[in-house]
Amino acid sequence: IADCTVDEFISANSQLRVRVRTPQPDQLAKLAATAGGTVTEP
């Protein structure tokens, strides 16, 4: 099911995520969702 380098494997089979800290989390979450992102709160 895979024949590639380690970096290629990780890149192809995992979703990019970005961690953000902001004093306006609700506003940024709405903006990100509108732009097609998915927001979670750890």
PDB file of all heavy atoms in Angstrom:
ATOM      1  N   ILE A   1       0.812  -1.218   0.000  1.00  0.00           N
ATOM      2  CA  ILE A   1       0.000   0.000   0.000  1.00  0.00           C
ATOM      3  C   ILE A   1       0.846   1.269   0.000  1.00  0.00           C
ATOM      4  O   ILE A   1       0.304   2.363  -0.150  1.00  0.00           O
ATOM      5  CB  ILE A   1      -0.998   0.019   1.176  1.00  0.00           C
ATOM      6  CG1 ILE A   1      -0.287  -0.174   2.516  1.00  0.00           C
ATOM      7  CG2 ILE A   1      -2.064  -1.037   0.991  1.00  0.00           C
ATOM      8  CD1 ILE A   1      -1.242  -0.152   3.711  1.00  0.00           C
ATOM      9  N   ALA A   2       2.156   1.151   0.140  1.00  0.00           N
ATOM     10  CA  ALA A   2       3.024   2.329   0.034  1.00  0.00           C
ATOM     11  C   ALA A   2       4.452   1.883  -0.252  1.00  0.00           C
ATOM     12  O   ALA A   2       4.923   0.881   0.287  1.00  0.00           O
ATOM     13  CB  ALA A   2       2.977   3.167   1.305  1.00  0.00           C
ATOM     14  N   ASP A   3       5.137   2.633  -1.117  1.00  0.00           N
ATOM     15  CA  ASP A   3       6.531   2.377  -1.480  1.00  0.00           C
ATOM     16  C   ASP A   3       7.154   3.743  -1.749  1.00  0.00           C
ATOM     17  O   ASP A   3       7.047   4.281  -2.852  1.00  0.00           O
ATOM     18  CB  ASP A   3       6.590   1.478  -2.715  1.00  0.00           C
ATOM     19  CG  ASP A   3       8.007   1.113  -3.120  1.00  0.00           C
ATOM     20  OD1 ASP A   3       8.956   1.692  -2.554  1.00  0.00           O
ATOM     21  OD2 ASP A   3       8.168   0.251  -4.015  1.00  0.00           O
ATOM     22  N   CYS A   4       7.755   4.351  -0.715  1.00  0.00           N
ATOM     23  CA  CYS A   4       8.205   5.737  -0.831  1.00  0.00           C
ATOM     24  C   CYS A   4       9.165   6.073   0.306  1.00  0.00           C
ATOM     25  O   CYS A   4       9.417   5.239   1.171  1.00  0.00           O
ATOM     26  CB  CYS A   4       7.006   6.687  -0.788  1.00  0.00           C
ATOM     27  SG  CYS A   4       5.995   6.515   0.712  1.00  0.00           S
ATOM     28  N   THR A   5       9.682   7.300   0.306  1.00  0.00           N
ATOM     29  CA  THR A   5      10.532   7.735   1.410  1.00  0.00           C
ATOM     30  C   THR A   5       9.669   8.016   2.638  1.00  0.00           C
ATOM     31  O   THR A   5       8.444   8.129   2.542  1.00  0.00           O
ATOM     32  CB  THR A   5      11.298   9.008   1.045  1.00  0.00           C
ATOM     33  OG1 THR A   5      10.372  10.099   0.922  1.00  0.00           O
ATOM     34  CG2 THR A   5      12.068   8.838  -0.261  1.00  0.00           C
ATOM     35  N   VAL A   6      10.324   8.148   3.787  1.00  0.00           N
ATOM     36  CA  VAL A   6       9.604   8.432   5.028  1.00  0.00           C
ATOM     37  C   VAL A   6       8.871   9.767   4.922  1.00  0.00           C
ATOM     38  O   VAL A   6       7.692   9.880   5.280  1.00  0.00           O
ATOM     39  CB  VAL A   6      10.569   8.439   6.227  1.00  0.00           C
ATOM     40  CG1 VAL A   6       9.836   8.871   7.500  1.00  0.00           C
ATOM     41  CG2 VAL A   6      11.193   7.067   6.425  1.00  0.00           C
ATOM     42  N   ASP A   7       9.555  10.805   4.423  1.00  0.00           N
ATOM     43  CA  ASP A   7       8.936  12.130   4.317  1.00  0.00           C
ATOM     44  C   ASP A   7       7.749  12.107   3.365  1.00  0.00           C
ATOM     45  O   ASP A   7       6.718  12.734   3.635  1.00  0.00           O
ATOM     46  CB  ASP A   7       9.969  13.163   3.842  1.00  0.00           C
ATOM     47  CG  ASP A   7      11.004  13.478   4.912  1.00  0.00           C
ATOM     48  OD1 ASP A   7      10.735  13.189   6.099  1.00  0.00           O
ATOM     49  OD2 ASP A   7      12.075  14.002   4.562  1.00  0.00           O
ATOM     50  N   GLU A   8       7.892  11.400   2.247  1.00  0.00           N
ATOM     51  CA  GLU A   8       6.782  11.303   1.293  1.00  0.00           C
ATOM     52  C   GLU A   8       5.600  10.589   1.916  1.00  0.00           C
ATOM     53  O   GLU A   8       4.440  10.975   1.705  1.00  0.00           O
ATOM     54  CB  GLU A   8       7.243  10.560   0.038  1.00  0.00           C
ATOM     55  CG  GLU A   8       8.190  11.353  -0.839  1.00  0.00           C
ATOM     56  CD  GLU A   8       8.805  10.516  -1.948  1.00  0.00           C
ATOM     57  OE1 GLU A   8       8.751   9.265  -1.851  1.00  0.00           O
ATOM     58  OE2 GLU A   8       9.351  11.104  -2.897  1.00  0.00           O
ATOM     59  N   PHE A   9       5.868   9.554   2.700  1.00  0.00           N
ATOM     60  CA  PHE A   9       4.796   8.797   3.339  1.00  0.00           C
ATOM     61  C   PHE A   9       4.025   9.665   4.320  1.00  0.00           C
ATOM     62  O   PHE A   9       2.791   9.684   4.328  1.00  0.00           O
ATOM     63  CB  PHE A   9       5.378   7.584   4.061  1.00  0.00           C
ATOM     64  CG  PHE A   9       4.354   6.722   4.724  1.00  0.00           C
ATOM     65  CD1 PHE A   9       3.636   5.783   4.005  1.00  0.00           C
ATOM     66  CD2 PHE A   9       4.088   6.848   6.084  1.00  0.00           C
ATOM     67  CE1 PHE A   9       2.677   4.997   4.621  1.00  0.00           C
ATOM     68  CE2 PHE A   9       3.139   6.062   6.704  1.00  0.00           C
ATOM     69  CZ  PHE A   9       2.429   5.128   5.969  1.00  0.00           C
ATOM     70  N   ILE A  10       4.751  10.401   5.152  1.00  0.00           N
ATOM     71  CA  ILE A  10       4.099  11.259   6.144  1.00  0.00           C
ATOM     72  C   ILE A  10       3.298  12.353   5.461  1.00  0.00           C
ATOM     73  O   ILE A  10       2.156  12.636   5.828  1.00  0.00           O
ATOM     74  CB  ILE A  10       5.143  11.870   7.103  1.00  0.00           C
ATOM     75  CG1 ILE A  10       5.785  10.771   7.954  1.00  0.00           C
ATOM     76  CG2 ILE A  10       4.502  12.920   8.009  1.00  0.00           C
ATOM     77  CD1 ILE A  10       6.931  11.251   8.822  1.00  0.00           C
ATOM     78  N   SER A  11       3.877  12.960   4.431  1.00  0.00           N
ATOM     79  CA  SER A  11       3.209  14.048   3.720  1.00  0.00           C
ATOM     80  C   SER A  11       1.931  13.578   3.028  1.00  0.00           C
ATOM     81  O   SER A  11       0.911  14.273   3.042  1.00  0.00           O
ATOM     82  CB  SER A  11       4.162  14.661   2.693  1.00  0.00           C
ATOM     83  OG  SER A  11       3.531  15.666   1.938  1.00  0.00           O
ATOM     84  N   ALA A  12       1.973  12.379   2.448  1.00  0.00           N
ATOM     85  CA  ALA A  12       0.832  11.886   1.678  1.00  0.00           C
ATOM     86  C   ALA A  12      -0.284  11.325   2.549  1.00  0.00           C
ATOM     87  O   ALA A  12      -1.436  11.241   2.101  1.00  0.00           O
ATOM     88  CB  ALA A  12       1.296  10.808   0.701  1.00  0.00           C
ATOM     89  N   ASN A  13       0.035  10.943   3.786  1.00  0.00           N
ATOM     90  CA  ASN A  13      -0.952  10.231   4.599  1.00  0.00           C
ATOM     91  C   ASN A  13      -1.293  10.907   5.915  1.00  0.00           C
ATOM     92  O   ASN A  13      -1.738  10.256   6.854  1.00  0.00           O
ATOM     93  CB  ASN A  13      -0.442   8.810   4.863  1.00  0.00           C
ATOM     94  CG  ASN A  13      -0.287   8.013   3.602  1.00  0.00           C
ATOM     95  OD1 ASN A  13      -1.254   7.622   2.968  1.00  0.00           O
ATOM     96  ND2 ASN A  13       0.957   7.789   3.187  1.00  0.00           N
ATOM     97  N   SER A  14      -1.079  12.206   5.986  1.00  0.00           N
ATOM     98  CA  SER A  14      -1.475  12.944   7.181  1.00  0.00           C
ATOM     99  C   SER A  14      -1.927  14.333   6.769  1.00  0.00           C
ATOM    100  O   SER A  14      -1.468  14.879   5.764  1.00  0.00           O
ATOM    101  CB  SER A  14      -0.314  13.039   8.176  1.00  0.00           C
ATOM    102  OG  SER A  14       0.802  13.679   7.581  1.00  0.00           O
ATOM    103  N   GLN A  15      -2.824  14.883   7.530  1.00  0.00           N
ATOM    104  CA  GLN A  15      -3.389  16.190   7.217  1.00  0.00           C
ATOM    105  C   GLN A  15      -2.582  17.294   7.896  1.00  0.00           C
ATOM    106  O   GLN A  15      -2.196  17.182   9.053  1.00  0.00           O
ATOM    107  CB  GLN A  15      -4.848  16.254   7.675  1.00  0.00           C
ATOM    108  CG  GLN A  15      -5.596  17.479   7.168  1.00  0.00           C
ATOM    109  CD  GLN A  15      -7.069  17.422   7.533  1.00  0.00           C
ATOM    110  OE1 GLN A  15      -7.445  16.857   8.555  1.00  0.00           O
ATOM    111  NE2 GLN A  15      -7.910  18.005   6.707  1.00  0.00           N
ATOM    112  N   LEU A  16      -2.317  18.366   7.117  1.00  0.00           N
ATOM    113  CA  LEU A  16      -1.588  19.504   7.661  1.00  0.00           C
ATOM    114  C   LEU A  16      -2.414  20.180   8.749  1.00  0.00           C
ATOM    115  O   LEU A  16      -3.614  20.405   8.598  1.00  0.00           O
ATOM    116  CB  LEU A  16      -1.289  20.511   6.545  1.00  0.00           C
ATOM    117  CG  LEU A  16      -0.585  21.795   6.971  1.00  0.00           C
ATOM    118  CD1 LEU A  16       0.814  21.500   7.486  1.00  0.00           C
ATOM    119  CD2 LEU A  16      -0.525  22.780   5.808  1.00  0.00           C
ATOM    120  N   ARG A  17      -1.750  20.497   9.864  1.00  0.00           N
ATOM    121  CA  ARG A  17      -2.417  21.206  10.951  1.00  0.00           C
ATOM    122  C   ARG A  17      -1.564  22.385  11.393  1.00  0.00           C
ATOM    123  O   ARG A  17      -0.339  22.358  11.308  1.00  0.00           O
ATOM    124  CB  ARG A  17      -2.660  20.277  12.142  1.00  0.00           C
ATOM    125  CG  ARG A  17      -3.622  19.128  11.854  1.00  0.00           C
ATOM    126  CD  ARG A  17      -3.873  18.312  13.109  1.00  0.00           C
ATOM    127  NE  ARG A  17      -2.630  17.737  13.610  1.00  0.00           N
ATOM    128  CZ  ARG A  17      -2.468  17.301  14.857  1.00  0.00           C
ATOM    129  NH1 ARG A  17      -3.470  17.398  15.736  1.00  0.00           N
ATOM    130  NH2 ARG A  17      -1.317  16.785  15.249  1.00  0.00           N
ATOM    131  N   VAL A  18      -2.248  23.431  11.873  1.00  0.00           N
ATOM    132  CA  VAL A  18      -1.569  24.627  12.348  1.00  0.00           C
ATOM    133  C   VAL A  18      -2.094  24.965  13.744  1.00  0.00           C
ATOM    134  O   VAL A  18      -3.311  25.012  13.964  1.00  0.00           O
ATOM    135  CB  VAL A  18      -1.823  25.825  11.405  1.00  0.00           C
ATOM    136  CG1 VAL A  18      -1.092  27.066  11.918  1.00  0.00           C
ATOM    137  CG2 VAL A  18      -1.396  25.497   9.978  1.00  0.00           C
ATOM    138  N   ARG A  19      -1.163  25.153  14.694  1.00  0.00           N
ATOM    139  CA  ARG A  19      -1.554  25.551  16.044  1.00  0.00           C
ATOM    140  C   ARG A  19      -1.454  27.071  16.156  1.00  0.00           C
ATOM    141  O   ARG A  19      -0.449  27.674  15.764  1.00  0.00           O
ATOM    142  CB  ARG A  19      -0.651  24.907  17.090  1.00  0.00           C
ATOM    143  CG  ARG A  19      -1.066  25.258  18.534  1.00  0.00           C
ATOM    144  CD  ARG A  19      -0.254  24.541  19.577  1.00  0.00           C
ATOM    145  NE  ARG A  19       1.155  24.852  19.482  1.00  0.00           N
ATOM    146  CZ  ARG A  19       2.114  23.946  19.273  1.00  0.00           C
ATOM    147  NH1 ARG A  19       1.780  22.677  19.111  1.00  0.00           N
ATOM    148  NH2 ARG A  19       3.374  24.305  19.203  1.00  0.00           N
ATOM    149  N   VAL A  20      -2.536  27.676  16.699  1.00  0.00           N
ATOM    150  CA  VAL A  20      -2.607  29.133  16.797  1.00  0.00           C
ATOM    151  C   VAL A  20      -3.020  29.530  18.206  1.00  0.00           C
ATOM    152  O   VAL A  20      -3.901  28.914  18.809  1.00  0.00           O
ATOM    153  CB  VAL A  20      -3.637  29.713  15.796  1.00  0.00           C
ATOM    154  CG1 VAL A  20      -3.638  31.241  15.864  1.00  0.00           C
ATOM    155  CG2 VAL A  20      -3.343  29.247  14.381  1.00  0.00           C
ATOM    156  N   ARG A  21      -2.357  30.546  18.719  1.00  0.00           N
ATOM    157  CA  ARG A  21      -2.777  31.178  19.976  1.00  0.00           C
ATOM    158  C   ARG A  21      -3.080  32.636  19.665  1.00  0.00           C
ATOM    159  O   ARG A  21      -2.270  33.341  19.063  1.00  0.00           O
ATOM    160  CB  ARG A  21      -1.687  31.079  21.044  1.00  0.00           C
ATOM    161  CG  ARG A  21      -1.404  29.656  21.491  1.00  0.00           C
ATOM    162  CD  ARG A  21      -0.360  29.612  22.610  1.00  0.00           C
ATOM    163  NE  ARG A  21       0.051  28.249  22.892  1.00  0.00           N
ATOM    164  CZ  ARG A  21      -0.597  27.421  23.705  1.00  0.00           C
ATOM    165  NH1 ARG A  21      -1.686  27.855  24.334  1.00  0.00           N
ATOM    166  NH2 ARG A  21      -0.174  26.193  23.908  1.00  0.00           N
ATOM    167  N   THR A  22      -4.258  33.054  20.083  1.00  0.00           N
ATOM    168  CA  THR A  22      -4.713  34.409  19.800  1.00  0.00           C
ATOM    169  C   THR A  22      -5.706  34.855  20.871  1.00  0.00           C
ATOM    170  O   THR A  22      -6.448  34.018  21.415  1.00  0.00           O
ATOM    171  CB  THR A  22      -5.392  34.479  18.408  1.00  0.00           C
ATOM    172  OG1 THR A  22      -6.000  35.764  18.239  1.00  0.00           O
ATOM    173  CG2 THR A  22      -6.464  33.410  18.257  1.00  0.00           C
ATOM    174  N   PRO A  23      -5.752  36.157  21.185  1.00  0.00           N
ATOM    175  CA  PRO A  23      -6.775  36.639  22.124  1.00  0.00           C
ATOM    176  C   PRO A  23      -8.158  36.712  21.484  1.00  0.00           C
ATOM    177  O   PRO A  23      -9.136  37.023  22.158  1.00  0.00           O
ATOM    178  CB  PRO A  23      -6.263  38.036  22.517  1.00  0.00           C
ATOM    179  CG  PRO A  23      -5.387  38.448  21.398  1.00  0.00           C
ATOM    180  CD  PRO A  23      -4.772  37.201  20.857  1.00  0.00           C
ATOM    181  N   GLN A  24      -8.250  36.402  20.185  1.00  0.00           N
ATOM    182  CA  GLN A  24      -9.534  36.429  19.469  1.00  0.00           C
ATOM    183  C   GLN A  24      -9.811  35.075  18.803  1.00  0.00           C
ATOM    184  O   GLN A  24     -10.005  34.994  17.590  1.00  0.00           O
ATOM    185  CB  GLN A  24      -9.488  37.537  18.405  1.00  0.00           C
ATOM    186  CG  GLN A  24      -9.233  38.930  18.964  1.00  0.00           C
ATOM    187  CD  GLN A  24      -8.641  39.872  17.924  1.00  0.00           C
ATOM    188  OE1 GLN A  24      -7.432  39.924  17.734  1.00  0.00           O
ATOM    189  NE2 GLN A  24      -9.515  40.597  17.243  1.00  0.00           N
ATOM    190  N   PRO A  25      -9.844  34.011  19.590  1.00  0.00           N
ATOM    191  CA  PRO A  25      -9.976  32.669  18.995  1.00  0.00           C
ATOM    192  C   PRO A  25     -11.286  32.442  18.256  1.00  0.00           C
ATOM    193  O   PRO A  25     -11.299  31.796  17.217  1.00  0.00           O
ATOM    194  CB  PRO A  25      -9.857  31.735  20.213  1.00  0.00           C
ATOM    195  CG  PRO A  25     -10.259  32.573  21.382  1.00  0.00           C
ATOM    196  CD  PRO A  25      -9.781  33.951  21.059  1.00  0.00           C
ATOM    197  N   ASP A  26     -12.377  32.979  18.775  1.00  0.00           N
ATOM    198  CA  ASP A  26     -13.672  32.759  18.132  1.00  0.00           C
ATOM    199  C   ASP A  26     -13.707  33.385  16.742  1.00  0.00           C
ATOM    200  O   ASP A  26     -14.212  32.785  15.779  1.00  0.00           O
ATOM    201  CB  ASP A  26     -14.806  33.322  18.988  1.00  0.00           C
ATOM    202  CG  ASP A  26     -14.980  32.548  20.285  1.00  0.00           C
ATOM    203  OD1 ASP A  26     -14.503  31.396  20.349  1.00  0.00           O
ATOM    204  OD2 ASP A  26     -15.574  33.089  21.231  1.00  0.00           O
ATOM    205  N   GLN A  27     -13.174  34.593  16.641  1.00  0.00           N
ATOM    206  CA  GLN A  27     -13.174  35.284  15.354  1.00  0.00           C
ATOM    207  C   GLN A  27     -12.307  34.532  14.337  1.00  0.00           C
ATOM    208  O   GLN A  27     -12.718  34.327  13.189  1.00  0.00           O
ATOM    209  CB  GLN A  27     -12.668  36.717  15.510  1.00  0.00           C
ATOM    210  CG  GLN A  27     -12.706  37.523  14.201  1.00  0.00           C
ATOM    211  CD  GLN A  27     -12.226  38.963  14.394  1.00  0.00           C
ATOM    212  OE1 GLN A  27     -12.007  39.412  15.507  1.00  0.00           O
ATOM    213  NE2 GLN A  27     -12.090  39.674  13.285  1.00  0.00           N
ATOM    214  N   LEU A  28     -11.109  34.100  14.780  1.00  0.00           N
ATOM    215  CA  LEU A  28     -10.220  33.386  13.860  1.00  0.00           C
ATOM    216  C   LEU A  28     -10.812  32.031  13.465  1.00  0.00           C
ATOM    217  O   LEU A  28     -10.679  31.603  12.315  1.00  0.00           O
ATOM    218  CB  LEU A  28      -8.844  33.196  14.489  1.00  0.00           C
ATOM    219  CG  LEU A  28      -7.793  32.542  13.580  1.00  0.00           C
ATOM    220  CD1 LEU A  28      -7.583  33.380  12.318  1.00  0.00           C
ATOM    221  CD2 LEU A  28      -6.470  32.350  14.318  1.00  0.00           C
ATOM    222  N   ALA A  29     -11.488  31.388  14.387  1.00  0.00           N
ATOM    223  CA  ALA A  29     -12.102  30.092  14.088  1.00  0.00           C
ATOM    224  C   ALA A  29     -13.161  30.232  13.005  1.00  0.00           C
ATOM    225  O   ALA A  29     -13.243  29.405  12.086  1.00  0.00           O
ATOM    226  CB  ALA A  29     -12.711  29.495  15.355  1.00  0.00           C
ATOM    227  N   LYS A  30     -13.962  31.277  13.086  1.00  0.00           N
ATOM    228  CA  LYS A  30     -14.998  31.512  12.057  1.00  0.00           C
ATOM    229  C   LYS A  30     -14.362  31.799  10.707  1.00  0.00           C
ATOM    230  O   LYS A  30     -14.811  31.304   9.667  1.00  0.00           O
ATOM    231  CB  LYS A  30     -15.893  32.669  12.485  1.00  0.00           C
ATOM    232  CG  LYS A  30     -16.782  32.358  13.679  1.00  0.00           C
ATOM    233  CD  LYS A  30     -17.611  33.568  14.074  1.00  0.00           C
ATOM    234  CE  LYS A  30     -18.481  33.281  15.290  1.00  0.00           C
ATOM    235  NZ  LYS A  30     -19.267  34.459  15.715  1.00  0.00           N
ATOM    236  N   LEU A  31     -13.288  32.602  10.707  1.00  0.00           N
ATOM    237  CA  LEU A  31     -12.605  32.927   9.455  1.00  0.00           C
ATOM    238  C   LEU A  31     -12.000  31.668   8.822  1.00  0.00           C
ATOM    239  O   LEU A  31     -12.096  31.464   7.604  1.00  0.00           O
ATOM    240  CB  LEU A  31     -11.501  33.956   9.721  1.00  0.00           C
ATOM    241  CG  LEU A  31     -11.967  35.363  10.119  1.00  0.00           C
ATOM    242  CD1 LEU A  31     -10.785  36.179  10.628  1.00  0.00           C
ATOM    243  CD2 LEU A  31     -12.622  36.060   8.930  1.00  0.00           C
ATOM    244  N   ALA A  32     -11.385  30.842   9.657  1.00  0.00           N
ATOM    245  CA  ALA A  32     -10.762  29.622   9.149  1.00  0.00           C
ATOM    246  C   ALA A  32     -11.807  28.665   8.583  1.00  0.00           C
ATOM    247  O   ALA A  32     -11.599  28.056   7.527  1.00  0.00           O
ATOM    248  CB  ALA A  32      -9.968  28.939  10.260  1.00  0.00           C
ATOM    249  N   ALA A  33     -12.944  28.536   9.267  1.00  0.00           N
ATOM    250  CA  ALA A  33     -14.008  27.653   8.788  1.00  0.00           C
ATOM    251  C   ALA A  33     -14.564  28.141   7.459  1.00  0.00           C
ATOM    252  O   ALA A  33     -14.843  27.348   6.552  1.00  0.00           O
ATOM    253  CB  ALA A  33     -15.115  27.557   9.829  1.00  0.00           C
ATOM    254  N   THR A  34     -14.714  29.446   7.325  1.00  0.00           N
ATOM    255  CA  THR A  34     -15.211  30.026   6.070  1.00  0.00           C
ATOM    256  C   THR A  34     -14.238  29.758   4.920  1.00  0.00           C
ATOM    257  O   THR A  34     -14.651  29.564   3.769  1.00  0.00           O
ATOM    258  CB  THR A  34     -15.408  31.544   6.223  1.00  0.00           C
ATOM    259  OG1 THR A  34     -16.331  31.785   7.292  1.00  0.00           O
ATOM    260  CG2 THR A  34     -15.946  32.159   4.947  1.00  0.00           C
ATOM    261  N   ALA A  35     -12.933  29.717   5.239  1.00  0.00           N
ATOM    262  CA  ALA A  35     -11.907  29.495   4.213  1.00  0.00           C
ATOM    263  C   ALA A  35     -11.699  28.013   3.908  1.00  0.00           C
ATOM    264  O   ALA A  35     -10.832  27.657   3.103  1.00  0.00           O
ATOM    265  CB  ALA A  35     -10.590  30.118   4.661  1.00  0.00           C
ATOM    266  N   GLY A  36     -12.473  27.143   4.558  1.00  0.00           N
ATOM    267  CA  GLY A  36     -12.379  25.718   4.267  1.00  0.00           C
ATOM    268  C   GLY A  36     -11.596  24.909   5.276  1.00  0.00           C
ATOM    269  O   GLY A  36     -11.371  23.714   5.082  1.00  0.00           O
ATOM    270  N   GLY A  37     -11.173  25.538   6.370  1.00  0.00           N
ATOM    271  CA  GLY A  37     -10.427  24.822   7.396  1.00  0.00           C
ATOM    272  C   GLY A  37     -11.343  24.174   8.420  1.00  0.00           C
ATOM    273  O   GLY A  37     -12.539  24.490   8.501  1.00  0.00           O
ATOM    274  N   THR A  38     -10.777  23.267   9.189  1.00  0.00           N
ATOM    275  CA  THR A  38     -11.484  22.613  10.288  1.00  0.00           C
ATOM    276  C   THR A  38     -10.804  22.994  11.587  1.00  0.00           C
ATOM    277  O   THR A  38      -9.583  22.871  11.712  1.00  0.00           O
ATOM    278  CB  THR A  38     -11.471  21.080  10.122  1.00  0.00           C
ATOM    279  OG1 THR A  38     -12.075  20.736   8.871  1.00  0.00           O
ATOM    280  CG2 THR A  38     -12.224  20.404  11.260  1.00  0.00           C
ATOM    281  N   VAL A  39     -11.596  23.453  12.560  1.00  0.00           N
ATOM    282  CA  VAL A  39     -11.028  23.983  13.793  1.00  0.00           C
ATOM    283  C   VAL A  39     -11.381  23.090  14.971  1.00  0.00           C
ATOM    284  O   VAL A  39     -12.538  22.679  15.131  1.00  0.00           O
ATOM    285  CB  VAL A  39     -11.533  25.423  14.056  1.00  0.00           C
ATOM    286  CG1 VAL A  39     -10.930  25.968  15.347  1.00  0.00           C
ATOM    287  CG2 VAL A  39     -11.195  26.322  12.875  1.00  0.00           C
ATOM    288  N   THR A  40     -10.379  22.780  15.780  1.00  0.00           N
ATOM    289  CA  THR A  40     -10.589  22.045  17.031  1.00  0.00           C
ATOM    290  C   THR A  40      -9.873  22.788  18.154  1.00  0.00           C
ATOM    291  O   THR A  40      -8.967  23.590  17.905  1.00  0.00           O
ATOM    292  CB  THR A  40     -10.047  20.608  16.943  1.00  0.00           C
ATOM    293  OG1 THR A  40      -8.647  20.650  16.615  1.00  0.00           O
ATOM    294  CG2 THR A  40     -10.795  19.808  15.894  1.00  0.00           C
ATOM    295  N   GLU A  41     -10.298  22.519  19.388  1.00  0.00           N
ATOM    296  CA  GLU A  41      -9.682  23.141  20.549  1.00  0.00           C
ATOM    297  C   GLU A  41      -9.068  22.065  21.432  1.00  0.00           C
ATOM    298  O   GLU A  41      -9.789  21.283  22.060  1.00  0.00           O
ATOM    299  CB  GLU A  41     -10.724  23.940  21.338  1.00  0.00           C
ATOM    300  CG  GLU A  41     -11.319  25.098  20.552  1.00  0.00           C
ATOM    301  CD  GLU A  41     -12.290  25.924  21.379  1.00  0.00           C
ATOM    302  OE1 GLU A  41     -12.215  25.828  22.618  1.00  0.00           O
ATOM    303  OE2 GLU A  41     -13.112  26.639  20.793  1.00  0.00           O
ATOM    304  N   PRO A  42      -7.733  21.974  21.483  1.00  0.00           N
ATOM    305  CA  PRO A  42      -7.072  20.947  22.290  1.00  0.00           C
ATOM    306  C   PRO A  42      -7.296  21.099  23.789  1.00  0.00           C
ATOM    307  O   PRO A  42      -7.072  20.164  24.544  1.00  0.00           O
ATOM    308  CB  PRO A  42      -5.583  21.137  21.955  1.00  0.00           C
ATOM    309  CG  PRO A  42      -5.572  21.904  20.674  1.00  0.00           C
ATOM    310  CD  PRO A  42      -6.786  22.778  20.705  1.00  0.00           C
TER     311      PRO A  42
END
